[in-house]
Amino acid sequence: MGLEDGFGIHPAAGAARPAAAPRVVALLQRLPCPTLVVWGMESDILSEAQARRMVEILPQGELVAVPGVGHAPTLVEPVVLAALERFLGVGEAVASPSASQRV
């Protein structure tokens, strides 16, 4: 599967979108920050192969697969919240508050 095939096909409709694929790939390749890709395993828009390919292309990509959720996993899903907290280091910030936060 080429890069264009991985991002240029809408799985549900099967309609090619060749112009968008190269732009998406170029953008993902240049993204310098750590990036968490949250993928709903029941998505009818983005396949598992596409989600994994995104993570391969990203310089610092990480994939979290959310079971039982479609294309738009919400922030209220426990799996998503835990992944975001870990990714953002929320537990570390809470465990060691700065001097200005201490009582």
C-alpha atoms as a PDB file:
ATOM      1  CA  MET A   1       0.000   0.000   0.000  1.00  0.00           C
ATOM      2  CA  GLY A   2       1.466   3.356  -1.006  1.00  0.00           C
ATOM      3  CA  LEU A   3       1.139   6.520   0.997  1.00  0.00           C
ATOM      4  CA  GLU A   4      -1.525   7.835  -1.355  1.00  0.00           C
ATOM      5  CA  ASP A   5      -3.486   4.584  -1.074  1.00  0.00           C
ATOM      6  CA  GLY A   6      -3.256   4.674   2.705  1.00  0.00           C
ATOM      7  CA  PHE A   7      -4.784   8.127   3.055  1.00  0.00           C
ATOM      8  CA  GLY A   8      -6.539   8.736  -0.242  1.00  0.00           C
ATOM      9  CA  ILE A   9      -9.329   6.160   0.038  1.00  0.00           C
ATOM     10  CA  HIS A  10     -12.400   6.602   2.180  1.00  0.00           C
ATOM     11  CA  PRO A  11     -13.050   2.998   3.348  1.00  0.00           C
ATOM     12  CA  ALA A  12     -16.817   3.369   3.594  1.00  0.00           C
ATOM     13  CA  ALA A  13     -17.401   5.012   0.236  1.00  0.00           C
ATOM     14  CA  GLY A  14     -14.357   3.745  -1.639  1.00  0.00           C
ATOM     15  CA  ALA A  15     -14.004   7.159  -3.290  1.00  0.00           C
ATOM     16  CA  ALA A  16     -10.468   8.247  -4.083  1.00  0.00           C
ATOM     17  CA  ARG A  17      -9.235  11.594  -2.786  1.00  0.00           C
ATOM     18  CA  PRO A  18      -5.765  11.735  -4.354  1.00  0.00           C
ATOM     19  CA  ALA A  19      -5.128  15.463  -3.891  1.00  0.00           C
ATOM     20  CA  ALA A  20      -5.489  15.348  -0.100  1.00  0.00           C
ATOM     21  CA  ALA A  21      -3.180  12.370   0.544  1.00  0.00           C
ATOM     22  CA  PRO A  22       0.205  13.929  -0.330  1.00  0.00           C
ATOM     23  CA  ARG A  23      -0.603  17.051   1.707  1.00  0.00           C
ATOM     24  CA  VAL A  24      -1.541  14.981   4.758  1.00  0.00           C
ATOM     25  CA  VAL A  25       1.602  12.866   4.507  1.00  0.00           C
ATOM     26  CA  ALA A  26       3.835  15.937   4.127  1.00  0.00           C
ATOM     27  CA  LEU A  27       2.188  17.590   7.119  1.00  0.00           C
ATOM     28  CA  LEU A  28       2.531  14.497   9.317  1.00  0.00           C
ATOM     29  CA  GLN A  29       6.207  14.110   8.365  1.00  0.00           C
ATOM     30  CA  ARG A  30       6.975  17.685   9.476  1.00  0.00           C
ATOM     31  CA  LEU A  31       5.107  17.620  12.785  1.00  0.00           C
ATOM     32  CA  PRO A  32       7.920  18.008  15.347  1.00  0.00           C
ATOM     33  CA  CYS A  33       6.005  17.409  18.587  1.00  0.00           C
ATOM     34  CA  PRO A  34       4.956  14.129  20.194  1.00  0.00           C
ATOM     35  CA  THR A  35       1.567  13.230  18.719  1.00  0.00           C
ATOM     36  CA  LEU A  36      -1.043  10.885  20.156  1.00  0.00           C
ATOM     37  CA  VAL A  37      -3.281   9.306  17.512  1.00  0.00           C
ATOM     38  CA  VAL A  38      -6.541   8.224  19.167  1.00  0.00           C
ATOM     39  CA  TRP A  39      -8.312   5.750  16.872  1.00  0.00           C
ATOM     40  CA  GLY A  40     -11.781   4.292  17.458  1.00  0.00           C
ATOM     41  CA  MET A  41     -11.579   0.618  16.491  1.00  0.00           C
ATOM     42  CA  GLU A  42     -15.118   0.678  15.071  1.00  0.00           C
ATOM     43  CA  SER A  43     -14.365   3.649  12.779  1.00  0.00           C
ATOM     44  CA  ASP A  44     -15.915   3.498   9.333  1.00  0.00           C
ATOM     45  CA  ILE A  45     -13.718   6.434   8.238  1.00  0.00           C
ATOM     46  CA  LEU A  46     -10.167   5.488   9.241  1.00  0.00           C
ATOM     47  CA  SER A  47      -8.961   1.894   9.003  1.00  0.00           C
ATOM     48  CA  GLU A  48      -6.490   0.311  11.397  1.00  0.00           C
ATOM     49  CA  ALA A  49      -3.901   0.236   8.609  1.00  0.00           C
ATOM     50  CA  GLN A  50      -4.381   3.964   8.028  1.00  0.00           C
ATOM     51  CA  ALA A  51      -4.077   4.776  11.735  1.00  0.00           C
ATOM     52  CA  ARG A  52      -0.915   2.682  12.005  1.00  0.00           C
ATOM     53  CA  ARG A  53       0.511   4.317   8.870  1.00  0.00           C
ATOM     54  CA  MET A  54      -0.091   7.757  10.383  1.00  0.00           C
ATOM     55  CA  VAL A  55       1.921   6.742  13.433  1.00  0.00           C
ATOM     56  CA  GLU A  56       4.726   5.379  11.228  1.00  0.00           C
ATOM     57  CA  ILE A  57       4.919   8.671   9.318  1.00  0.00           C
ATOM     58  CA  LEU A  58       4.834  10.906  12.399  1.00  0.00           C
ATOM     59  CA  PRO A  59       8.328  11.572  13.791  1.00  0.00           C
ATOM     60  CA  GLN A  60       7.020  11.042  17.346  1.00  0.00           C
ATOM     61  CA  GLY A  61       3.694   9.294  16.863  1.00  0.00           C
ATOM     62  CA  GLU A  62       1.922   6.973  19.255  1.00  0.00           C
ATOM     63  CA  LEU A  63      -1.310   5.055  18.661  1.00  0.00           C
ATOM     64  CA  VAL A  64      -4.083   4.408  21.159  1.00  0.00           C
ATOM     65  CA  ALA A  65      -6.799   2.075  19.879  1.00  0.00           C
ATOM     66  CA  VAL A  66     -10.150   2.537  21.615  1.00  0.00           C
ATOM     67  CA  PRO A  67     -12.350  -0.590  21.514  1.00  0.00           C
ATOM     68  CA  GLY A  68     -16.063  -0.291  20.871  1.00  0.00           C
ATOM     69  CA  VAL A  69     -15.840   3.298  19.629  1.00  0.00           C
ATOM     70  CA  GLY A  70     -16.369   4.671  16.123  1.00  0.00           C
ATOM     71  CA  HIS A  71     -14.624   7.473  14.276  1.00  0.00           C
ATOM     72  CA  ALA A  72     -14.791  10.141  17.000  1.00  0.00           C
ATOM     73  CA  PRO A  73     -13.618   8.776  20.352  1.00  0.00           C
ATOM     74  CA  THR A  74     -14.669  11.308  22.944  1.00  0.00           C
ATOM     75  CA  LEU A  75     -12.724  12.506  25.919  1.00  0.00           C
ATOM     76  CA  VAL A  76     -15.161  10.788  28.260  1.00  0.00           C
ATOM     77  CA  GLU A  77     -13.993   7.306  27.225  1.00  0.00           C
ATOM     78  CA  PRO A  78     -11.888   5.949  30.121  1.00  0.00           C
ATOM     79  CA  VAL A  79      -9.294   4.489  27.720  1.00  0.00           C
ATOM     80  CA  VAL A  80      -8.871   7.878  26.034  1.00  0.00           C
ATOM     81  CA  LEU A  81      -8.664   9.786  29.310  1.00  0.00           C
ATOM     82  CA  ALA A  82      -6.022   7.416  30.692  1.00  0.00           C
ATOM     83  CA  ALA A  83      -3.990   7.639  27.471  1.00  0.00           C
ATOM     84  CA  LEU A  84      -4.165  11.433  27.430  1.00  0.00           C
ATOM     85  CA  GLU A  85      -3.194  11.712  31.084  1.00  0.00           C
ATOM     86  CA  ARG A  86      -0.218   9.400  30.549  1.00  0.00           C
ATOM     87  CA  PHE A  87       0.795  11.135  27.289  1.00  0.00           C
ATOM     88  CA  LEU A  88       0.593  14.596  28.840  1.00  0.00           C
ATOM     89  CA  GLY A  89       2.203  13.534  32.117  1.00  0.00           C
ATOM     90  CA  VAL A  90      -0.813  14.681  34.138  1.00  0.00           C
ATOM     91  CA  GLY A  91      -0.132  12.202  36.939  1.00  0.00           C
ATOM     92  CA  GLU A  92       3.418  13.524  37.319  1.00  0.00           C
ATOM     93  CA  ALA A  93       2.222  17.121  37.568  1.00  0.00           C
ATOM     94  CA  VAL A  94      -0.352  16.218  40.207  1.00  0.00           C
ATOM     95  CA  ALA A  95       2.101  14.066  42.169  1.00  0.00           C
ATOM     96  CA  SER A  96       4.721  16.815  42.377  1.00  0.00           C
ATOM     97  CA  PRO A  97       3.060  20.254  42.392  1.00  0.00           C
ATOM     98  CA  SER A  98       5.223  23.324  41.924  1.00  0.00           C
ATOM     99  CA  ALA A  99       6.029  25.549  44.884  1.00  0.00           C
ATOM    100  CA  SER A 100       3.351  28.030  43.825  1.00  0.00           C
ATOM    101  CA  GLN A 101       0.726  25.269  44.014  1.00  0.00           C
ATOM    102  CA  ARG A 102       1.674  24.000  47.455  1.00  0.00           C
ATOM    103  CA  VAL A 103      -0.401  25.030  50.445  1.00  0.00           C
END
